[in-house]
Amino acid sequence: MLRQALSLWKKERKRKETTLHRRLILFFVSISIFLILAFALLLMIFGITGKDEKTVETHINTELTDIAQSIEDDFAKTALDGISIAESISRRSDMFFLQHEITPGELAEHPELIEPLLAEYMETLINTVKNSYCGGTFVLLDATVLPDAPYADTQKAGVFLKKTQPLTTEMVGVKIHCLRGPAQLARDNGIMLLGQWRMEFNTVGEQFFEDVMETAKNNPVLPISRLYYWSGRVVLEGNSESGFLLCVPLRSSDGTVFGVCGIEVSDRLFKQLYSPEGDSYDSIFTAVAPLHTDGLGTSRGMIAGNYYLTGNRLIEDLTVKESRNSFEYFSSTLGSYGGKSQEIKLYPHGSPYEDDGWSVAILMPEEILNDAIEGNLSYFIYTIIVLLFISLIVSVVISRYYLKPVKAALDSIQNNPYDERQVAPYLEINDLFEFLASKDREYEETLREKEEHSLKMKNEYEQAQREISRLAYLRKTEIDPDAYSEFLESLSRLTKTEREIFNLYIAGKSAREIMDEFDITENTLKYHNRNIYSKLGVTSRKELLRYAALLNEEQKH
C-alpha cells in the first residue's frame, strides 16, 4: 500500500495532476476539519473550553461569602456569650468582695481568697462550656496565689476549662477537663486534669491579658460590650492545641479592672465549623487572620481544611504577590497560595479595636489553583487533535471503500472486454457501461461499413482493371498505330491537374470518385475532360479508356 501510494505521488508530481482517491480524501478531511473546528468554536463561544476558571471562581466566591458570614455571625454570638460571662463573673465578684470586706484592688494582697473566688465562677464557666459552641472558657485574675514567688509578676491565678471533644452537633455529654486552675477546685466539680495542666497562667509573651486590661483601664466610660478583644492564634504554655481567645475585661462596680475572662475558639472547633467544601478541590482551605499592610497575618491566624491541612498551621505571614485571573496570590518563604479574601468586621462601632482589621480567605496552593483553573483544557485540546487524527483515518478508509467499485470498474474497462452482464453498485457506473457499450456497437458498425465499402471498392477496382485489360486485348488491333503515337506525344501537353485526372481514369476511377478526390463539381470535371479530349485528340471517354488501357498494359509489360 505504501509503495502504491509513493508511486501515485511520483506520478502526480510528474504529470502535475492528482488522483480521484486523493481528491476524495482531501474532500472528506476538509469537511471533517471544518465540522470539528466549527464545533470547537461553538463550544468556546458558549464558554465550554475545558477551562474551569469560572467554576473555580464561583466555588471560591460561594465558600468565601458563606464562611465569612458564618464567622461574623458566630464570633458576634460568641462575643455576646463572653460579655454575659464577664457580667455574671463581675456581679459574683462584687458580692464576694463585699462579703469579705475587701476592694477589688486588694485581691492581690489576699491570696487565700483567690481559690474561694474562683469557686464562685465555676458554675458559670461549666455552663458556658456545656452550652456554647466553643473549645473552652477561662478566667484570669490580676493576682497570684504565690505572691512571694520569684515569678509572681508573670503568674496569674485563674481557671481554664477545655472541651476535649468539641462537637458542633452535640451539647449533651460533653467531656470537660481542666487545663489551668486549682486541682482541688477541679476535683470538687468532678473535672479531670489534662496532662498539660498547670495551676496558674504564665502570661509571659501573652499580650492579650495585659493589653485588654490596659485598654479597659484607659477607657473607663466605655461599656464592657465595647471592650472585648479577639486575640490572634494563641498556644498556652505546655498546651498542644491553639485557638482564638475572646477576651473580655472584668470590671467591678467601682470601675476597677481586676481580670479577664473569655471563650476559646479552638483549632479543632475552627476546622469543624469553617472548613470549605472539599469534594471538588481537595487542597482548598479557609484562613482567618488579622490584616496587615502587606497581606494576611497568618502567623497569628488559623486555617481550616480537609485532611490535606489537618493539624497544619501557617507559621509565617502571607504577603500579597499579585492579582491574576480574578484571583489573589499570596506568598511566603514556605509556599505560594491563591484564592480570594474578604475583610470581616469583628468589633462594633466605638470599640478601641474598631480599626483592627481581620480577613477571611479561601485559598489553595498556587500550582493546584492554576491546575484547577486550567481544568480540562489540555484534554479538550487533545480531544480535538485525536478527532482530527481519527477523521484523517476515517477519510482514507471511507474513500478507499467508496472508490473500490469505481476503481474495479475502471480496471475492467481498461484491461478486459466489456461484458454486458457486469453490474456495478453505482447507477452512474452502470450508465457509463451502457454508454461505452453503445459506443462499442457504433464503432463496430462503422468498422463493418468501412470494411464493406473497402471490399466494394476493391472489387470495383479489380473489375475496372479486368475491363481495361479486356479492352486492351480486344481493341489493340483496332487502334490506329499513328493515332496512338500522336496520343502518346500529346500527353506532355496536359497540365498538372489534367494529367492527375487522366491518371485516375487510367487507374479505373469513376467520375464521382475523381470529383471527390479533387473536391470539384461535375461541371468543372467536364471542363477538364473537354481539355483532355481536345489535347489528346479523342472524342469520347470510351476512346480515352481504350488508349488508357493500352498504355496501362504496355506499362505492365
Protein backbone atom coordinates (compact mmCIF):
# COMPACT_ATOMS: atom_id res chain seq x y z
CA MET A 1 0.00 0.00 0.00
CA LEU A 2 2.83 2.39 0.90
CA ARG A 3 4.66 1.55 -2.32
CA GLN A 4 1.49 2.14 -4.30
CA ALA A 5 0.91 5.48 -2.59
CA LEU A 6 4.50 6.54 -3.26
CA SER A 7 4.19 5.54 -6.91
CA LEU A 8 0.98 7.55 -7.26
CA TRP A 9 2.59 10.55 -5.58
CA LYS A 10 5.56 10.48 -8.01
CA LYS A 11 3.20 10.12 -10.94
CA GLU A 12 1.13 13.07 -9.74
CA ARG A 13 4.19 15.26 -9.37
CA LYS A 14 5.42 14.34 -12.83
CA ARG A 15 2.10 14.95 -14.55
CA LYS A 16 1.04 17.78 -12.25
CA GLU A 17 -2.26 16.04 -11.70
CA THR A 18 -3.92 14.28 -8.78
CA THR A 19 -5.91 11.10 -8.32
CA LEU A 20 -9.60 10.77 -7.63
CA HIS A 21 -8.71 8.91 -4.43
CA ARG A 22 -6.64 11.81 -3.13
CA ARG A 23 -9.24 14.35 -4.10
CA LEU A 24 -11.87 12.38 -2.21
CA ILE A 25 -9.60 12.08 0.85
CA LEU A 26 -8.95 15.83 0.80
CA PHE A 27 -12.68 16.44 0.49
CA PHE A 28 -13.53 14.24 3.49
CA VAL A 29 -10.65 15.64 5.54
CA SER A 30 -11.68 19.22 4.74
CA ILE A 31 -15.28 18.55 5.73
CA SER A 32 -14.20 16.77 8.94
CA ILE A 33 -11.78 19.55 9.94
CA PHE A 34 -14.41 22.19 9.25
CA LEU A 35 -17.04 20.40 11.34
CA ILE A 36 -14.64 19.71 14.24
CA LEU A 37 -13.28 23.26 14.30
CA ALA A 38 -16.80 24.71 13.98
CA PHE A 39 -17.89 22.55 16.91
CA ALA A 40 -14.86 23.67 18.94
CA LEU A 41 -15.62 27.31 18.08
CA LEU A 42 -19.22 26.94 19.24
CA LEU A 43 -18.01 25.39 22.49
CA MET A 44 -15.65 28.33 23.04
CA ILE A 45 -18.41 30.85 22.20
CA PHE A 46 -20.62 29.28 24.88
CA GLY A 47 -17.69 29.16 27.32
CA ILE A 48 -17.14 25.40 27.12
CA THR A 49 -13.39 25.30 26.63
CA GLY A 50 -12.30 22.86 29.28
CA LYS A 51 -11.02 25.74 31.42
CA ASP A 52 -12.60 25.81 34.88
CA GLU A 53 -11.76 29.39 35.82
CA LYS A 54 -15.41 30.41 36.17
CA THR A 55 -16.26 27.23 38.03
CA VAL A 56 -13.36 27.68 40.46
CA GLU A 57 -14.16 31.37 40.93
CA THR A 58 -17.83 30.63 41.59
CA HIS A 59 -16.94 27.90 44.07
CA ILE A 60 -14.46 30.09 45.95
CA ASN A 61 -16.82 33.10 45.95
CA THR A 62 -19.66 30.97 47.32
CA GLU A 63 -17.49 29.43 50.03
CA LEU A 64 -15.97 32.80 50.92
CA THR A 65 -19.35 34.52 51.22
CA ASP A 66 -20.88 31.72 53.29
CA ILE A 67 -17.89 31.21 55.60
CA ALA A 68 -17.24 34.93 56.09
CA GLN A 69 -20.88 35.45 57.06
CA SER A 70 -20.80 32.42 59.35
CA ILE A 71 -17.64 33.67 61.09
CA GLU A 72 -19.06 37.16 61.59
CA ASP A 73 -22.30 35.72 62.98
CA ASP A 74 -20.63 33.07 65.15
CA PHE A 75 -17.97 35.40 66.51
CA ALA A 76 -20.62 38.02 67.27
CA LYS A 77 -22.65 35.39 69.17
CA THR A 78 -19.52 34.26 70.97
CA ALA A 79 -18.82 37.88 71.89
CA LEU A 80 -22.30 38.18 73.39
CA ASP A 81 -21.70 34.99 75.37
CA GLY A 82 -18.35 36.34 76.56
CA ILE A 83 -19.93 39.64 77.64
CA SER A 84 -22.58 37.68 79.50
CA ILE A 85 -19.89 35.65 81.28
CA ALA A 86 -17.99 38.84 82.19
CA GLU A 87 -21.12 40.47 83.59
CA SER A 88 -22.01 37.36 85.58
CA ILE A 89 -18.50 36.98 86.99
CA SER A 90 -18.30 40.70 87.76
CA ARG A 91 -21.55 40.54 89.75
CA ARG A 92 -20.41 37.47 91.68
CA SER A 93 -17.06 39.17 92.31
CA ASP A 94 -18.70 42.32 93.67
CA MET A 95 -20.75 40.21 96.08
CA PHE A 96 -17.61 38.26 97.09
CA PHE A 97 -15.60 41.45 97.69
CA LEU A 98 -18.42 42.93 99.71
CA GLN A 99 -18.82 39.74 101.74
CA HIS A 100 -15.10 39.57 102.57
CA GLU A 101 -14.86 43.33 103.07
CA ILE A 102 -12.11 43.96 100.54
CA THR A 103 -11.89 46.04 97.41
CA PRO A 104 -11.08 44.52 94.02
CA GLY A 105 -7.74 46.26 94.12
CA GLU A 106 -6.87 44.48 97.38
CA LEU A 107 -7.37 40.96 95.97
CA ALA A 108 -3.66 40.54 95.25
CA GLU A 109 -2.98 41.13 98.95
CA HIS A 110 -5.25 38.25 99.96
CA PRO A 111 -4.06 35.16 98.04
CA GLU A 112 -6.03 32.92 100.43
CA LEU A 113 -9.26 34.34 98.93
CA ILE A 114 -8.35 33.57 95.32
CA GLU A 115 -9.41 29.90 95.26
CA PRO A 116 -12.76 30.62 97.00
CA LEU A 117 -13.35 33.43 94.49
CA LEU A 118 -12.58 31.12 91.56
CA ALA A 119 -15.01 28.61 93.03
CA GLU A 120 -17.74 31.25 92.60
CA TYR A 121 -17.05 31.27 88.86
CA MET A 122 -17.16 27.51 88.26
CA GLU A 123 -20.89 27.22 87.65
CA THR A 124 -20.82 29.97 85.03
CA LEU A 125 -17.75 28.53 83.31
CA ILE A 126 -19.08 24.96 83.29
CA ASN A 127 -22.45 26.04 81.86
CA THR A 128 -20.71 28.04 79.16
CA VAL A 129 -18.55 25.08 78.12
CA LYS A 130 -21.57 22.78 78.02
CA ASN A 131 -23.98 25.08 76.23
CA SER A 132 -21.82 27.06 73.80
CA TYR A 133 -20.03 26.24 70.59
CA CYS A 134 -16.55 26.72 71.94
CA GLY A 135 -13.31 24.91 72.69
CA GLY A 136 -13.20 26.15 76.24
CA THR A 137 -13.72 29.05 78.60
CA PHE A 138 -11.41 30.81 81.02
CA VAL A 139 -10.93 33.48 83.63
CA LEU A 140 -7.68 35.18 84.74
CA LEU A 141 -7.33 37.35 87.79
CA ASP A 142 -4.75 40.06 88.27
CA ALA A 143 -3.35 38.18 91.24
CA THR A 144 -1.44 35.03 92.17
CA VAL A 145 -1.73 32.53 94.98
CA LEU A 146 2.06 32.73 95.45
CA PRO A 147 2.85 36.45 95.68
CA ASP A 148 6.23 35.82 97.27
CA ALA A 149 7.46 33.50 94.48
CA PRO A 150 10.23 34.89 92.18
CA TYR A 151 7.97 34.63 89.13
CA ALA A 152 4.92 36.11 90.82
CA ASP A 153 4.77 39.09 88.42
CA THR A 154 4.08 36.83 85.43
CA GLN A 155 1.91 34.21 87.12
CA LYS A 156 -1.83 34.83 87.22
CA ALA A 157 -4.41 32.77 89.03
CA GLY A 158 -7.40 31.56 87.11
CA VAL A 159 -9.30 28.66 85.57
CA PHE A 160 -9.30 27.29 82.00
CA LEU A 161 -11.86 24.57 81.24
CA LYS A 162 -11.49 22.72 77.90
CA LYS A 163 -13.75 20.58 75.80
CA THR A 164 -11.60 17.64 74.84
CA GLN A 165 -14.00 16.58 72.07
CA PRO A 166 -15.77 19.71 70.87
CA LEU A 167 -18.54 18.64 68.52
CA THR A 168 -20.69 21.15 66.73
CA THR A 169 -23.71 18.85 66.82
CA GLU A 170 -23.60 17.78 70.49
CA MET A 171 -24.32 19.71 73.65
CA VAL A 172 -25.06 16.79 75.96
CA GLY A 173 -22.39 14.56 77.46
CA VAL A 174 -19.56 16.96 76.71
CA LYS A 175 -16.26 15.92 78.32
CA ILE A 176 -14.71 18.78 80.29
CA HIS A 177 -11.13 18.86 81.52
CA CYS A 178 -9.14 21.39 83.45
CA LEU A 179 -6.12 22.94 81.73
CA ARG A 180 -5.49 25.70 84.31
CA GLY A 181 -6.71 26.22 87.89
CA PRO A 182 -6.51 24.78 91.40
CA ALA A 183 -6.54 20.97 91.31
CA GLN A 184 -8.84 20.68 94.31
CA LEU A 185 -11.33 23.02 92.68
CA ALA A 186 -11.43 20.77 89.62
CA ARG A 187 -11.89 17.64 91.71
CA ASP A 188 -14.67 19.27 93.72
CA ASN A 189 -16.59 19.78 90.43
CA GLY A 190 -15.80 16.31 89.07
CA ILE A 191 -13.45 17.62 86.40
CA MET A 192 -10.32 15.73 85.44
CA LEU A 193 -6.99 17.45 84.92
CA LEU A 194 -5.37 17.43 81.47
CA GLY A 195 -1.82 16.17 81.06
CA GLN A 196 -0.74 19.78 80.31
CA TRP A 197 -2.37 21.11 83.49
CA ARG A 198 -0.82 23.99 85.36
CA MET A 199 -2.18 25.67 88.48
CA GLU A 200 -1.72 29.20 87.17
CA PHE A 201 -1.30 31.01 83.87
CA ASN A 202 2.12 32.13 82.74
CA THR A 203 1.47 35.45 80.96
CA VAL A 204 4.98 35.88 79.56
CA GLY A 205 4.56 36.73 75.90
CA GLU A 206 0.75 36.62 76.18
CA GLN A 207 -0.10 40.19 75.28
CA PHE A 208 -3.82 39.58 75.23
CA PHE A 209 -4.02 39.74 79.08
CA GLU A 210 -2.07 42.93 79.71
CA ASP A 211 -3.38 44.69 76.56
CA VAL A 212 -7.04 44.01 77.37
CA MET A 213 -6.69 45.16 80.95
CA GLU A 214 -4.72 48.26 79.96
CA THR A 215 -7.26 49.21 77.26
CA ALA A 216 -10.13 48.75 79.72
CA LYS A 217 -8.37 50.94 82.30
CA ASN A 218 -7.81 53.65 79.68
CA ASN A 219 -11.49 53.64 78.66
CA PRO A 220 -13.39 53.65 81.97
CA VAL A 221 -16.56 55.13 80.48
CA LEU A 222 -16.95 52.51 77.72
CA PRO A 223 -19.28 49.63 78.47
CA ILE A 224 -17.91 46.08 78.55
CA SER A 225 -19.75 45.40 75.27
CA ARG A 226 -17.26 47.73 73.53
CA LEU A 227 -14.13 46.42 75.24
CA TYR A 228 -13.95 42.78 74.20
CA TYR A 229 -10.96 41.72 72.15
CA TRP A 230 -10.16 38.83 69.78
CA SER A 231 -6.61 37.60 70.12
CA GLY A 232 -4.67 36.07 67.29
CA ARG A 233 -3.77 32.41 67.47
CA VAL A 234 -2.64 31.57 70.99
CA VAL A 235 -0.99 28.43 72.30
CA LEU A 236 -0.80 28.41 76.09
CA GLU A 237 2.39 27.20 77.72
CA GLY A 238 2.57 23.41 77.70
CA ASN A 239 -0.54 23.09 75.55
CA SER A 240 -0.57 21.40 72.13
CA GLU A 241 -3.72 22.99 70.75
CA SER A 242 -4.05 26.56 69.61
CA GLY A 243 -7.08 28.79 69.35
CA PHE A 244 -8.52 32.26 69.13
CA LEU A 245 -9.36 33.78 72.50
CA LEU A 246 -12.26 36.16 73.06
CA CYS A 247 -11.04 38.30 75.95
CA VAL A 248 -13.46 40.45 77.98
CA PRO A 249 -12.20 42.61 80.87
CA LEU A 250 -13.61 42.05 84.35
CA ARG A 251 -14.63 45.37 85.86
CA SER A 252 -16.13 45.80 89.29
CA SER A 253 -18.89 48.18 90.17
CA ASP A 254 -16.34 50.75 91.33
CA GLY A 255 -14.62 50.65 87.92
CA THR A 256 -11.61 48.58 88.97
CA VAL A 257 -10.33 46.24 86.24
CA PHE A 258 -9.28 43.10 88.11
CA GLY A 259 -9.03 40.40 85.47
CA VAL A 260 -10.03 38.95 82.10
CA CYS A 261 -12.46 36.21 81.13
CA GLY A 262 -13.50 34.78 77.84
CA ILE A 263 -14.14 31.94 75.41
CA GLU A 264 -11.76 29.94 73.26
CA VAL A 265 -12.45 29.01 69.62
CA SER A 266 -10.11 26.05 69.45
CA ASP A 267 -8.25 24.82 66.43
CA ARG A 268 -10.35 21.64 66.23
CA LEU A 269 -13.61 23.53 66.54
CA PHE A 270 -12.47 26.07 63.94
CA LYS A 271 -11.73 23.27 61.47
CA GLN A 272 -15.10 21.63 62.09
CA LEU A 273 -17.05 24.85 61.61
CA TYR A 274 -15.23 26.63 58.82
CA SER A 275 -13.66 24.06 56.52
CA PRO A 276 -14.80 24.71 52.93
CA GLU A 277 -16.39 22.03 50.82
CA GLY A 278 -13.52 19.92 49.52
CA ASP A 279 -15.35 17.49 47.26
CA SER A 280 -14.21 19.34 44.14
CA TYR A 281 -10.87 20.69 45.35
CA ASP A 282 -9.05 18.58 47.92
CA SER A 283 -6.50 21.22 48.86
CA ILE A 284 -8.82 24.17 49.43
CA PHE A 285 -8.77 25.73 52.89
CA THR A 286 -10.03 28.67 54.93
CA ALA A 287 -7.63 31.11 56.55
CA VAL A 288 -8.79 33.64 59.14
CA ALA A 289 -6.16 36.10 60.27
CA PRO A 290 -5.57 39.72 61.26
CA LEU A 291 -4.82 42.04 58.39
CA HIS A 292 -1.51 43.77 57.97
CA THR A 293 -0.35 46.28 55.39
CA ASP A 294 1.21 43.71 53.05
CA GLY A 295 -1.29 40.87 53.29
CA LEU A 296 -2.53 38.42 55.92
CA GLY A 297 -1.10 37.89 59.40
CA THR A 298 -1.43 34.13 59.13
CA SER A 299 1.33 33.62 61.71
CA ARG A 300 -1.41 34.66 64.18
CA GLY A 301 -4.30 33.15 62.25
CA MET A 302 -5.88 29.72 61.88
CA ILE A 303 -6.70 27.57 58.90
CA ALA A 304 -9.44 25.04 58.27
CA GLY A 305 -9.42 22.46 55.53
CA ASN A 306 -9.66 18.77 54.81
CA TYR A 307 -7.11 16.05 55.53
CA TYR A 308 -4.53 17.97 53.46
CA LEU A 309 -4.27 20.56 56.26
CA THR A 310 -5.19 18.51 59.33
CA GLY A 311 -3.03 19.73 62.20
CA ASN A 312 -1.17 22.20 59.99
CA ARG A 313 -0.57 25.85 60.75
CA LEU A 314 0.80 28.70 58.70
CA ILE A 315 3.70 29.90 60.79
CA GLU A 316 4.52 32.84 58.50
CA ASP A 317 2.53 35.82 57.34
CA LEU A 318 1.32 35.75 53.74
CA THR A 319 2.32 38.69 51.56
CA VAL A 320 0.22 39.76 48.57
CA LYS A 321 2.13 38.79 45.45
CA GLU A 322 -0.22 39.68 42.59
CA SER A 323 -3.76 39.58 41.28
CA ARG A 324 -4.35 37.43 38.23
CA ASN A 325 -7.34 35.74 36.57
CA SER A 326 -9.72 37.30 39.14
CA PHE A 327 -7.73 35.67 41.97
CA GLU A 328 -5.37 36.98 44.63
CA TYR A 329 -1.99 35.33 45.11
CA PHE A 330 -0.09 35.31 48.40
CA SER A 331 3.38 34.05 49.17
CA SER A 332 5.77 33.31 52.00
CA THR A 333 9.11 31.57 52.19
CA LEU A 334 7.23 28.30 52.75
CA GLY A 335 4.96 28.46 49.72
CA SER A 336 2.56 30.37 47.50
CA TYR A 337 -1.22 30.30 47.64
CA GLY A 338 -4.01 31.65 45.51
CA GLY A 339 -7.70 32.37 46.04
CA LYS A 340 -9.83 35.23 47.33
CA SER A 341 -10.09 37.16 50.58
CA GLN A 342 -12.72 39.28 52.26
CA GLU A 343 -12.42 41.62 55.21
CA ILE A 344 -14.71 40.85 58.13
CA LYS A 345 -15.89 43.06 60.97
CA LEU A 346 -15.40 41.64 64.46
CA TYR A 347 -15.83 44.80 66.55
CA PRO A 348 -18.73 47.22 66.98
CA HIS A 349 -18.58 50.90 66.25
CA GLY A 350 -16.88 52.79 69.06
CA SER A 351 -14.67 49.91 70.08
CA PRO A 352 -10.99 50.73 70.75
CA TYR A 353 -10.20 47.84 68.40
CA GLU A 354 -12.53 49.01 65.62
CA ASP A 355 -9.63 49.67 63.26
CA ASP A 356 -8.06 46.23 63.80
CA GLY A 357 -8.88 44.54 60.52
CA TRP A 358 -9.47 40.82 60.10
CA SER A 359 -9.79 38.86 56.90
CA VAL A 360 -11.21 35.55 55.74
CA ALA A 361 -9.51 33.95 52.75
CA ILE A 362 -10.35 30.83 50.74
CA LEU A 363 -7.04 29.57 49.39
CA MET A 364 -5.26 26.64 47.87
CA PRO A 365 -1.64 26.08 46.80
CA GLU A 366 -0.88 28.19 43.74
CA GLU A 367 0.08 25.29 41.47
CA ILE A 368 -3.10 23.42 42.41
CA LEU A 369 -5.22 26.53 41.80
CA ASN A 370 -3.60 27.04 38.40
CA ASP A 371 -4.28 23.40 37.51
CA ALA A 372 -7.88 23.79 38.66
CA ILE A 373 -8.27 26.94 36.54
CA GLU A 374 -6.87 25.17 33.51
CA GLY A 375 -9.26 22.30 34.22
CA ASN A 376 -9.62 20.02 31.24
CA LEU A 377 -8.22 22.44 28.68
CA SER A 378 -5.38 20.07 27.82
CA TYR A 379 -7.88 17.22 27.47
CA PHE A 380 -10.03 19.49 25.32
CA ILE A 381 -7.09 20.19 23.01
CA TYR A 382 -6.03 16.55 22.97
CA THR A 383 -9.59 15.56 22.11
CA ILE A 384 -9.64 17.95 19.14
CA ILE A 385 -6.28 16.57 17.95
CA VAL A 386 -7.46 12.97 18.35
CA LEU A 387 -10.69 13.76 16.50
CA LEU A 388 -8.70 15.31 13.66
CA PHE A 389 -6.44 12.26 13.51
CA ILE A 390 -9.43 9.90 13.55
CA SER A 391 -11.11 11.96 10.82
CA LEU A 392 -8.00 11.52 8.67
CA ILE A 393 -8.03 7.73 9.18
CA VAL A 394 -11.77 7.50 8.57
CA SER A 395 -11.46 9.67 5.45
CA VAL A 396 -8.82 7.34 4.00
CA VAL A 397 -10.85 4.24 4.83
CA ILE A 398 -14.15 5.62 3.54
CA SER A 399 -12.58 6.97 0.36
CA ARG A 400 -10.94 3.61 -0.36
CA TYR A 401 -14.19 1.78 0.34
CA TYR A 402 -16.17 4.26 -1.72
CA LEU A 403 -13.80 4.18 -4.69
CA LYS A 404 -13.18 0.43 -4.65
CA PRO A 405 -16.05 -0.44 -7.06
CA VAL A 406 -15.19 2.60 -9.19
CA LYS A 407 -11.58 1.50 -9.47
CA ALA A 408 -12.67 -2.07 -10.21
CA ALA A 409 -14.94 -0.80 -12.95
CA LEU A 410 -12.20 1.35 -14.46
CA ASP A 411 -9.74 -1.57 -14.33
CA SER A 412 -12.33 -3.76 -16.01
CA ILE A 413 -12.84 -1.21 -18.77
CA GLN A 414 -9.10 -0.74 -19.21
CA ASN A 415 -7.95 -4.35 -19.10
CA ASN A 416 -10.93 -6.53 -20.10
CA PRO A 417 -13.55 -6.51 -22.84
CA TYR A 418 -16.85 -5.09 -21.77
CA ASP A 419 -19.37 -7.63 -20.56
CA GLU A 420 -22.99 -6.52 -20.65
CA ARG A 421 -23.67 -8.79 -17.71
CA GLN A 422 -21.45 -6.64 -15.49
CA VAL A 423 -23.40 -4.79 -12.78
CA ALA A 424 -21.74 -2.15 -10.58
CA PRO A 425 -23.17 -0.94 -7.23
CA TYR A 426 -23.44 2.63 -8.53
CA LEU A 427 -26.00 3.80 -11.07
CA GLU A 428 -23.54 6.20 -12.68
CA ILE A 429 -21.06 3.39 -13.38
CA ASN A 430 -23.79 1.24 -14.95
CA ASP A 431 -24.76 4.22 -17.12
CA LEU A 432 -21.10 4.52 -18.10
CA PHE A 433 -21.02 0.82 -19.01
CA GLU A 434 -24.11 1.24 -21.17
CA PHE A 435 -22.68 4.34 -22.82
CA LEU A 436 -19.41 2.57 -23.59
CA ALA A 437 -21.34 -0.44 -24.92
CA SER A 438 -23.31 1.78 -27.27
CA LYS A 439 -20.07 3.41 -28.43
CA ASP A 440 -18.55 -0.02 -28.99
CA ARG A 441 -21.56 -1.03 -31.11
CA GLU A 442 -21.35 2.20 -33.12
CA TYR A 443 -17.64 1.66 -33.65
CA GLU A 444 -18.14 -1.91 -34.76
CA GLU A 445 -20.93 -0.86 -37.12
CA THR A 446 -18.75 1.88 -38.61
CA LEU A 447 -15.84 -0.50 -38.93
CA ARG A 448 -18.04 -3.07 -40.66
CA GLU A 449 -19.36 -0.42 -43.09
CA LYS A 450 -15.80 0.69 -43.85
CA GLU A 451 -14.73 -2.88 -44.46
CA GLU A 452 -17.73 -3.44 -46.76
CA HIS A 453 -17.00 -0.20 -48.60
CA SER A 454 -13.32 -1.11 -48.94
CA LEU A 455 -14.22 -4.54 -50.21
CA LYS A 456 -16.66 -3.00 -52.67
CA MET A 457 -14.05 -0.52 -53.90
CA LYS A 458 -11.53 -3.30 -54.22
CA ASN A 459 -13.97 -5.35 -56.29
CA GLU A 460 -14.80 -2.37 -58.47
CA TYR A 461 -11.09 -1.64 -58.96
CA GLU A 462 -10.36 -5.23 -59.88
CA GLN A 463 -13.34 -5.24 -62.22
CA ALA A 464 -12.13 -1.99 -63.83
CA GLN A 465 -8.65 -3.48 -64.24
CA ARG A 466 -10.11 -6.54 -65.81
CA GLU A 467 -12.23 -4.39 -68.09
CA ILE A 468 -9.21 -2.30 -69.08
CA SER A 469 -7.21 -5.42 -69.77
CA ARG A 470 -10.06 -6.87 -71.74
CA LEU A 471 -10.50 -3.68 -73.76
CA ALA A 472 -6.77 -3.50 -74.33
CA TYR A 473 -6.75 -7.04 -75.57
CA LEU A 474 -9.86 -6.66 -77.74
CA ARG A 475 -9.04 -3.27 -79.17
CA LYS A 476 -5.36 -3.49 -79.58
CA THR A 477 -5.68 -4.45 -83.22
CA GLU A 478 -8.47 -1.86 -83.76
CA ILE A 479 -6.34 1.16 -82.77
CA ASP A 480 -4.51 3.04 -85.49
CA PRO A 481 -0.79 2.99 -84.60
CA ASP A 482 -0.28 6.53 -85.90
CA ALA A 483 -3.20 7.85 -83.86
CA TYR A 484 -1.86 6.06 -80.75
CA SER A 485 1.62 7.56 -81.32
CA GLU A 486 0.06 11.00 -81.65
CA PHE A 487 -1.89 10.27 -78.42
CA LEU A 488 1.32 9.46 -76.50
CA GLU A 489 3.03 12.60 -77.77
CA SER A 490 0.03 14.73 -76.74
CA LEU A 491 0.27 13.60 -73.10
CA SER A 492 3.01 16.13 -72.49
CA ARG A 493 0.60 18.91 -73.40
CA LEU A 494 -1.64 18.15 -70.39
CA THR A 495 -1.47 20.42 -67.35
CA LYS A 496 -0.61 19.01 -63.92
CA THR A 497 -4.28 18.82 -62.88
CA GLU A 498 -5.32 17.35 -66.25
CA ARG A 499 -2.57 14.71 -66.01
CA GLU A 500 -3.67 13.77 -62.46
CA ILE A 501 -7.28 13.39 -63.68
CA PHE A 502 -6.05 11.32 -66.66
CA ASN A 503 -4.03 9.09 -64.32
CA LEU A 504 -7.14 8.49 -62.23
CA TYR A 505 -9.02 7.46 -65.34
CA ILE A 506 -6.19 5.04 -66.13
CA ALA A 507 -6.44 3.75 -62.52
CA GLY A 508 -10.08 2.94 -63.16
CA LYS A 509 -11.61 5.68 -61.05
CA SER A 510 -15.15 6.78 -61.81
CA ALA A 511 -16.17 10.36 -62.44
CA ARG A 512 -17.74 10.57 -58.93
CA GLU A 513 -14.55 9.40 -57.27
CA ILE A 514 -12.49 11.89 -59.23
CA MET A 515 -14.81 14.73 -58.17
CA ASP A 516 -14.45 13.63 -54.53
CA GLU A 517 -10.67 13.34 -54.86
CA PHE A 518 -10.25 16.90 -56.16
CA ASP A 519 -13.30 18.31 -54.37
CA ILE A 520 -14.67 19.76 -57.62
CA THR A 521 -18.10 19.96 -59.19
CA GLU A 522 -19.36 17.95 -62.14
CA ASN A 523 -19.17 20.97 -64.49
CA THR A 524 -15.52 21.52 -63.54
CA LEU A 525 -14.75 17.88 -64.26
CA LYS A 526 -16.50 18.19 -67.66
CA TYR A 527 -14.40 21.27 -68.36
CA HIS A 528 -11.18 19.32 -67.66
CA ASN A 529 -12.47 16.37 -69.71
CA ARG A 530 -13.03 18.58 -72.78
CA ASN A 531 -9.49 19.96 -72.46
CA ILE A 532 -8.07 16.44 -72.08
CA TYR A 533 -10.09 15.13 -75.10
CA SER A 534 -9.05 18.09 -77.21
CA LYS A 535 -5.33 17.89 -76.36
CA LEU A 536 -5.18 14.08 -76.75
CA GLY A 537 -7.25 14.05 -79.93
CA VAL A 538 -10.01 11.73 -78.60
CA THR A 539 -13.69 12.28 -78.98
CA SER A 540 -15.13 10.33 -76.07
CA ARG A 541 -14.40 8.80 -72.72
CA LYS A 542 -14.71 5.36 -74.28
CA GLU A 543 -11.96 6.17 -76.76
CA LEU A 544 -9.86 7.65 -73.97
CA LEU A 545 -10.23 4.46 -71.96
CA ARG A 546 -9.11 2.39 -74.93
CA TYR A 547 -5.87 4.34 -75.22
CA ALA A 548 -5.50 4.31 -71.43
CA ALA A 549 -5.99 0.52 -71.28
CA LEU A 550 -3.38 0.00 -73.99
CA LEU A 551 -0.98 2.40 -72.19
CA ASN A 552 -1.54 0.65 -68.92
CA GLU A 553 -0.96 -2.74 -70.46
CA GLU A 554 2.31 -1.60 -72.04
CA GLN A 555 3.49 -0.17 -68.71
CA LYS A 556 2.89 -3.52 -67.01
CA HIS A 557 4.95 -5.33 -69.59
